[in-house]
Amino acid sequence: MKPSVSVIIPAYNVEAYLGAAIDSVLAQTRRDIEIVIVDDGSTDRTVEVAERYQDPRIRVFKNERNAGASQSRNVAIGHARGEWVAILDSDDWWAETRLERLLTLAEAHGADIVGDDIQLVKMGELDAQATFFQVHAHRLGVIDKPFELSALRMVVDDYGVLKPIFRKSFLEEKGLRYNPAFKTGEDFDFLLRALLASARMVVSNEALYYYRARGGSLVADPVKCLAGILEMADALLRTVDGRTHAEVVRALEGFRAWKHDEWENARFRVPIRHGHLLQCLALARENPAQLPRYARLTAERVVLLVLLPVLSCIRFLQSGRRQRRALPAPGTSGSAPAS
């Protein structure tokens, strides 16, 4: 029987996490699903973990070489047999009712794409107050019910991090696939192109997707991550038709300026955080405009970077003086005089 949903999972060196992702799909209250896993040239036991499941709904494919998450998703979409395609990263997982709730929402709204809030999980710890909508409430406002998402709102409020489900027939009709050139920002790019192709998208206010922030992932390096997002934004600005989508292009220009500002901030913050004062000074010389913004942060760090070594040196010298005073005078043995 044809599955309702094809869950696509690109996987690369995630033997420690892949099982949890697969288990969360198999535990779904919606049972008519398949899982399409594409191993992207892993060098650990990722493939072994995927293949140990004796479930006919799971199919595993292997890239001949490491091609990136975007290309792996494209391969998976090509093999997907379901009416819907659901995106799941290999180190994340779902609430057991996620597919059922999203499909119900899709039917109620006649949607081509359905997304939801994201529960943020850091260092394996779940914070009930840390969802994407809650963390960014100052920008998004209070979201307490499902809403339709337009291309313009998606860019302005940066909803590109969502992990929606897509109607497979819509992707095929519009010829939509991920851009393999992008290592970061690929979700933003793919979703925006789908919305610009007249997709109808509805977003649930429930957080049913669990996103695991890992230290070894690319997003853990803010400078590289933001540089990739800038490349993605530049590509969109070159390709989106400004005559047809003038407001979206203006929003993209604002989005790029915002992310460029964050990139500059990250370039300055990261060396400060790690105590690389000379690198900070070089960046300040390159871009003096950053100095006012980080005057207070820089001052605090400079105090720590300069005073702490000085204090340590003073302690060392004081310790040396005490030790020298305790040493015996030259020509003496240092032992107590005989009585």
Protein backbone atom coordinates (compact mmCIF):
# COMPACT_ATOMS: atom_id res chain seq x y z
CA MET A 1 0.00 0.00 0.00
CA LYS A 2 1.25 3.48 -0.87
CA PRO A 3 2.33 5.38 2.27
CA SER A 4 0.77 8.72 3.15
CA VAL A 5 4.09 10.17 4.27
CA SER A 6 7.68 9.57 3.23
CA VAL A 7 10.02 10.65 6.01
CA ILE A 8 13.40 11.55 4.52
CA ILE A 9 16.50 11.44 6.72
CA PRO A 10 19.93 12.43 5.39
CA ALA A 11 22.57 10.88 7.64
CA TYR A 12 26.28 11.47 8.07
CA ASN A 13 28.29 10.12 11.02
CA VAL A 14 25.34 10.12 13.42
CA GLU A 15 25.49 6.62 14.88
CA ALA A 16 24.82 8.07 18.34
CA TYR A 17 21.62 9.85 17.31
CA LEU A 18 20.06 8.14 14.29
CA GLY A 19 18.31 5.45 16.30
CA ALA A 20 16.35 8.03 18.31
CA ALA A 21 15.26 9.77 15.10
CA ILE A 22 14.06 6.50 13.54
CA ASP A 23 12.34 5.37 16.74
CA SER A 24 10.39 8.64 16.93
CA VAL A 25 9.05 8.05 13.42
CA LEU A 26 8.14 4.42 14.08
CA ALA A 27 6.29 5.57 17.22
CA GLN A 28 4.01 7.93 15.25
CA THR A 29 0.29 7.56 15.81
CA ARG A 30 -0.01 7.82 12.03
CA ARG A 31 1.16 4.39 10.87
CA ASP A 32 0.98 4.59 7.05
CA ILE A 33 4.49 5.93 6.62
CA GLU A 34 7.84 5.01 5.13
CA ILE A 35 11.33 6.13 6.11
CA VAL A 36 13.89 6.90 3.41
CA ILE A 37 17.41 7.17 4.83
CA VAL A 38 20.29 8.36 2.67
CA ASP A 39 23.73 7.77 4.14
CA ASP A 40 26.11 10.47 2.97
CA GLY A 41 29.39 8.56 3.07
CA SER A 42 29.54 8.01 6.82
CA THR A 43 32.75 6.64 8.31
CA ASP A 44 31.16 5.43 11.55
CA ARG A 45 28.37 2.88 12.20
CA THR A 46 25.54 5.04 10.83
CA VAL A 47 24.64 2.55 8.08
CA GLU A 48 24.73 -0.34 10.53
CA VAL A 49 22.32 1.49 12.84
CA ALA A 50 19.95 2.18 9.95
CA GLU A 51 20.04 -1.38 8.62
CA ARG A 52 19.49 -3.14 11.94
CA TYR A 53 15.78 -2.27 11.86
CA GLN A 54 13.77 -5.19 10.54
CA ASP A 55 10.93 -3.02 9.28
CA PRO A 56 9.84 -3.09 5.63
CA ARG A 57 8.86 0.58 5.87
CA ILE A 58 12.53 1.57 6.16
CA ARG A 59 14.70 1.86 3.05
CA VAL A 60 18.37 2.78 3.16
CA PHE A 61 20.33 4.29 0.27
CA LYS A 62 24.01 5.21 0.17
CA ASN A 63 25.78 8.04 -1.60
CA GLU A 64 29.00 6.97 -3.30
CA ARG A 65 30.73 9.97 -1.73
CA ASN A 66 29.90 12.69 0.76
CA ALA A 67 27.64 15.11 -1.11
CA GLY A 68 26.03 17.13 1.68
CA ALA A 69 22.61 17.16 3.31
CA SER A 70 20.90 18.99 0.43
CA GLN A 71 21.90 16.44 -2.20
CA SER A 72 21.05 13.59 0.18
CA ARG A 73 17.57 15.03 0.64
CA ASN A 74 17.18 15.28 -3.12
CA VAL A 75 18.09 11.61 -3.47
CA ALA A 76 15.55 10.74 -0.78
CA ILE A 77 12.82 12.83 -2.42
CA GLY A 78 13.49 10.96 -5.65
CA HIS A 79 12.85 7.65 -3.89
CA ALA A 80 9.86 8.88 -1.86
CA ARG A 81 6.56 7.13 -2.62
CA GLY A 82 4.31 8.96 -0.17
CA GLU A 83 1.74 11.66 -0.79
CA TRP A 84 3.70 13.87 1.58
CA VAL A 85 7.44 14.35 2.13
CA ALA A 86 8.52 15.08 5.71
CA ILE A 87 11.95 16.45 6.59
CA LEU A 88 13.75 15.02 9.63
CA ASP A 89 17.39 15.69 10.40
CA SER A 90 19.21 12.62 11.66
CA ASP A 91 20.02 14.03 15.11
CA ASP A 92 16.51 15.35 15.80
CA TRP A 93 13.24 13.63 16.67
CA TRP A 94 9.46 14.11 16.72
CA ALA A 95 6.60 14.05 19.17
CA GLU A 96 4.59 10.88 18.51
CA THR A 97 1.50 12.79 17.33
CA ARG A 98 3.36 15.12 14.95
CA LEU A 99 2.39 13.62 11.61
CA GLU A 100 -1.21 13.07 12.61
CA ARG A 101 -1.61 16.67 13.77
CA LEU A 102 0.12 18.19 10.75
CA LEU A 103 -1.86 16.10 8.27
CA THR A 104 -5.11 17.06 9.99
CA LEU A 105 -4.09 20.70 9.67
CA ALA A 106 -3.22 20.20 6.00
CA GLU A 107 -6.63 18.74 5.23
CA ALA A 108 -8.44 21.52 7.11
CA HIS A 109 -6.61 24.28 5.22
CA GLY A 110 -6.00 22.63 1.85
CA ALA A 111 -2.29 23.28 2.35
CA ASP A 112 0.69 22.26 0.22
CA ILE A 113 3.12 22.76 3.12
CA VAL A 114 2.59 22.38 6.87
CA GLY A 115 5.07 23.35 9.58
CA ASP A 116 5.14 23.70 13.35
CA ASP A 117 7.06 25.29 16.20
CA ILE A 118 10.41 23.76 17.13
CA GLN A 119 11.39 22.59 20.60
CA LEU A 120 15.03 23.53 21.17
CA VAL A 121 17.20 20.96 22.95
CA LYS A 122 20.69 22.01 24.06
CA MET A 123 23.33 19.57 25.25
CA GLY A 124 20.67 16.88 25.58
CA GLU A 125 18.57 18.95 28.01
CA LEU A 126 14.96 19.81 27.19
CA ASP A 127 13.76 23.27 28.23
CA ALA A 128 9.97 23.52 28.18
CA GLN A 129 10.24 27.30 27.79
CA ALA A 130 12.65 27.23 24.84
CA THR A 131 10.79 26.84 21.58
CA PHE A 132 11.58 28.80 18.45
CA PHE A 133 8.39 30.85 18.76
CA GLN A 134 9.05 31.61 22.45
CA VAL A 135 12.70 32.55 22.03
CA HIS A 136 11.82 34.94 19.21
CA ALA A 137 8.53 36.22 20.63
CA HIS A 138 9.94 39.77 20.64
CA ARG A 139 9.99 39.56 16.85
CA LEU A 140 7.18 37.11 16.08
CA GLY A 141 4.68 38.15 18.72
CA VAL A 142 2.57 35.64 20.63
CA ILE A 143 1.58 32.70 18.43
CA ASP A 144 -1.26 30.77 20.04
CA LYS A 145 -3.07 29.34 17.02
CA PRO A 146 -2.26 28.05 13.51
CA PHE A 147 -1.59 30.67 10.85
CA GLU A 148 -0.89 30.88 7.14
CA LEU A 149 2.65 31.83 6.18
CA SER A 150 3.38 33.95 3.11
CA ALA A 151 6.72 34.33 1.36
CA LEU A 152 7.01 37.91 2.61
CA ARG A 153 6.34 37.03 6.25
CA MET A 154 8.65 34.05 6.01
CA VAL A 155 11.57 36.32 5.03
CA VAL A 156 10.78 39.23 7.34
CA ASP A 157 10.40 37.03 10.43
CA ASP A 158 12.97 34.40 9.37
CA TYR A 159 10.84 31.26 9.45
CA GLY A 160 13.39 29.45 7.31
CA VAL A 161 14.44 27.18 10.17
CA LEU A 162 11.12 25.30 10.16
CA LYS A 163 11.08 21.62 9.13
CA PRO A 164 7.74 21.30 7.32
CA ILE A 165 6.04 18.51 5.45
CA PHE A 166 5.53 19.08 1.71
CA ARG A 167 2.92 17.69 -0.64
CA LYS A 168 4.97 15.50 -3.02
CA SER A 169 2.81 16.32 -6.05
CA PHE A 170 3.49 20.02 -5.52
CA LEU A 171 7.27 19.45 -5.46
CA GLU A 172 7.07 17.41 -8.65
CA GLU A 173 4.77 19.86 -10.42
CA LYS A 174 7.08 22.80 -9.64
CA GLY A 175 10.33 20.85 -10.07
CA LEU A 176 11.50 21.85 -6.60
CA ARG A 177 14.63 20.38 -5.07
CA TYR A 178 17.23 21.52 -2.54
CA ASN A 179 20.20 23.51 -3.83
CA PRO A 180 23.25 21.24 -3.29
CA ALA A 181 25.55 24.28 -3.22
CA PHE A 182 24.30 25.34 0.21
CA LYS A 183 25.69 23.87 3.43
CA THR A 184 23.66 26.26 5.60
CA GLY A 185 20.47 28.11 4.81
CA GLU A 186 19.24 25.33 2.53
CA ASP A 187 15.92 25.06 4.41
CA PHE A 188 15.29 28.81 4.05
CA ASP A 189 16.08 28.71 0.33
CA PHE A 190 13.92 25.65 -0.37
CA LEU A 191 10.93 26.91 1.60
CA LEU A 192 11.04 30.39 0.08
CA ARG A 193 11.20 29.02 -3.47
CA ALA A 194 8.21 26.81 -2.69
CA LEU A 195 6.21 29.76 -1.35
CA LEU A 196 7.16 31.89 -4.35
CA ALA A 197 5.83 29.06 -6.52
CA SER A 198 2.40 29.73 -4.96
CA ALA A 199 2.43 27.04 -2.29
CA ARG A 200 -0.15 27.44 0.45
CA MET A 201 1.50 26.97 3.84
CA VAL A 202 -0.02 26.71 7.29
CA VAL A 203 1.99 26.63 10.53
CA SER A 204 0.90 25.01 13.79
CA ASN A 205 1.57 26.77 17.08
CA GLU A 206 2.49 23.43 18.67
CA ALA A 207 6.15 22.47 19.10
CA LEU A 208 6.22 18.90 17.78
CA TYR A 209 9.71 18.88 16.25
CA TYR A 210 12.67 18.45 18.63
CA TYR A 211 15.84 20.13 17.42
CA ARG A 212 19.11 19.00 19.01
CA ALA A 213 21.88 21.63 19.13
CA ARG A 214 25.21 19.78 18.93
CA GLY A 215 28.67 21.22 19.51
CA GLY A 216 30.13 19.47 16.47
CA SER A 217 27.50 20.65 14.00
CA LEU A 218 28.02 23.47 11.53
CA VAL A 219 25.50 25.73 13.24
CA ALA A 220 27.69 25.60 16.35
CA ASP A 221 30.17 27.79 14.44
CA PRO A 222 28.23 31.05 14.06
CA VAL A 223 30.78 32.68 11.73
CA LYS A 224 30.72 29.83 9.18
CA CYS A 225 26.98 29.35 9.55
CA LEU A 226 26.20 33.02 8.93
CA ALA A 227 28.67 33.18 6.03
CA GLY A 228 26.73 30.33 4.42
CA ILE A 229 23.44 32.12 4.99
CA LEU A 230 24.85 35.23 3.30
CA GLU A 231 25.81 33.14 0.26
CA MET A 232 22.29 31.73 0.17
CA ALA A 233 20.72 35.20 0.42
CA ASP A 234 22.96 36.50 -2.36
CA ALA A 235 21.89 33.62 -4.61
CA LEU A 236 18.22 34.33 -3.95
CA LEU A 237 18.68 38.02 -4.68
CA ARG A 238 20.21 37.07 -8.03
CA THR A 239 17.37 34.74 -9.00
CA VAL A 240 14.11 36.04 -7.48
CA ASP A 241 12.22 38.18 -10.00
CA GLY A 242 12.09 41.69 -8.56
CA ARG A 243 9.26 42.71 -10.89
CA THR A 244 6.97 39.89 -9.80
CA HIS A 245 8.08 39.75 -6.16
CA ALA A 246 9.24 43.30 -5.41
CA GLU A 247 8.25 43.22 -1.71
CA VAL A 248 9.98 39.89 -1.17
CA VAL A 249 13.17 41.17 -2.82
CA ARG A 250 13.17 44.23 -0.55
CA ALA A 251 12.63 41.94 2.41
CA LEU A 252 15.52 39.74 1.24
CA GLU A 253 17.76 42.80 1.05
CA GLY A 254 16.81 43.63 4.62
CA PHE A 255 17.31 40.01 5.66
CA ARG A 256 20.78 39.99 4.11
CA ALA A 257 21.73 43.24 5.85
CA TRP A 258 20.50 41.79 9.15
CA LYS A 259 22.48 38.56 8.71
CA HIS A 260 25.57 40.48 7.57
CA ASP A 261 25.33 42.50 10.77
CA GLU A 262 25.08 39.27 12.78
CA TRP A 263 28.07 37.88 10.88
CA GLU A 264 30.14 40.95 11.74
CA ASN A 265 29.04 40.63 15.35
CA ALA A 266 29.98 36.95 15.43
CA ARG A 267 33.39 37.64 13.91
CA PHE A 268 34.01 40.05 16.77
CA ARG A 269 32.37 38.07 19.55
CA VAL A 270 34.00 34.70 18.94
CA PRO A 271 37.64 35.83 19.38
CA ILE A 272 36.63 37.97 22.36
CA ARG A 273 34.94 34.98 23.97
CA HIS A 274 38.06 32.87 23.49
CA GLY A 275 40.46 35.56 24.66
CA HIS A 276 42.14 36.24 21.30
CA LEU A 277 42.82 39.93 21.90
CA LEU A 278 45.17 40.45 18.95
CA GLN A 279 42.58 39.03 16.56
CA CYS A 280 39.99 41.38 18.06
CA LEU A 281 42.29 44.35 17.49
CA ALA A 282 42.89 43.31 13.88
CA LEU A 283 39.14 43.05 13.26
CA ALA A 284 38.57 46.42 14.90
CA ARG A 285 41.17 47.98 12.63
CA GLU A 286 39.50 46.36 9.62
CA ASN A 287 36.04 47.55 10.63
CA PRO A 288 36.12 50.44 13.15
CA ALA A 289 32.32 50.73 12.98
CA GLN A 290 32.08 47.66 15.20
CA LEU A 291 33.83 49.35 18.11
CA PRO A 292 30.96 51.49 19.47
CA ARG A 293 28.59 48.54 19.44
CA TYR A 294 30.93 46.40 21.47
CA ALA A 295 32.57 49.04 23.60
CA ARG A 296 31.12 47.67 26.82
CA LEU A 297 31.69 44.01 25.92
CA THR A 298 35.21 44.76 24.77
CA ALA A 299 35.97 46.74 27.92
CA GLU A 300 34.78 43.90 30.11
CA ARG A 301 36.83 41.37 28.17
CA VAL A 302 39.90 43.60 28.07
CA VAL A 303 39.75 43.92 31.85
CA LEU A 304 39.67 40.15 32.11
CA LEU A 305 42.30 39.59 29.44
CA VAL A 306 44.71 42.22 30.77
CA LEU A 307 44.19 42.29 34.52
CA LEU A 308 43.98 38.56 35.12
CA PRO A 309 47.44 37.85 33.63
CA VAL A 310 48.84 40.84 35.54
CA LEU A 311 47.33 39.60 38.78
CA SER A 312 48.67 36.13 38.10
CA CYS A 313 52.12 37.60 37.49
CA ILE A 314 51.96 39.56 40.75
CA ARG A 315 50.96 36.44 42.65
CA PHE A 316 53.80 34.53 41.01
CA LEU A 317 56.35 37.21 41.97
CA GLN A 318 55.05 37.40 45.52
CA SER A 319 55.26 33.64 45.78
CA GLY A 320 58.83 33.78 44.48
CA ARG A 321 59.84 36.33 47.11
CA ARG A 322 58.39 34.20 49.90
CA GLN A 323 60.25 31.18 48.57
CA ARG A 324 63.54 33.11 48.36
CA ARG A 325 63.15 34.36 51.94
CA ALA A 326 62.65 30.78 53.04
CA LEU A 327 65.84 29.54 51.33
CA PRO A 328 69.00 29.03 53.48
CA ALA A 329 71.79 31.56 53.13
CA PRO A 330 74.65 30.67 50.76
CA GLY A 331 77.21 28.42 52.39
CA THR A 332 74.78 26.93 54.88
CA SER A 333 73.24 23.49 54.77
CA GLY A 334 69.79 24.65 55.61
CA SER A 335 69.55 22.23 58.55
CA ALA A 336 69.00 23.30 62.14
CA PRO A 337 72.25 24.13 64.05
CA ALA A 338 73.59 21.38 66.21
CA SER A 339 73.13 21.88 69.89
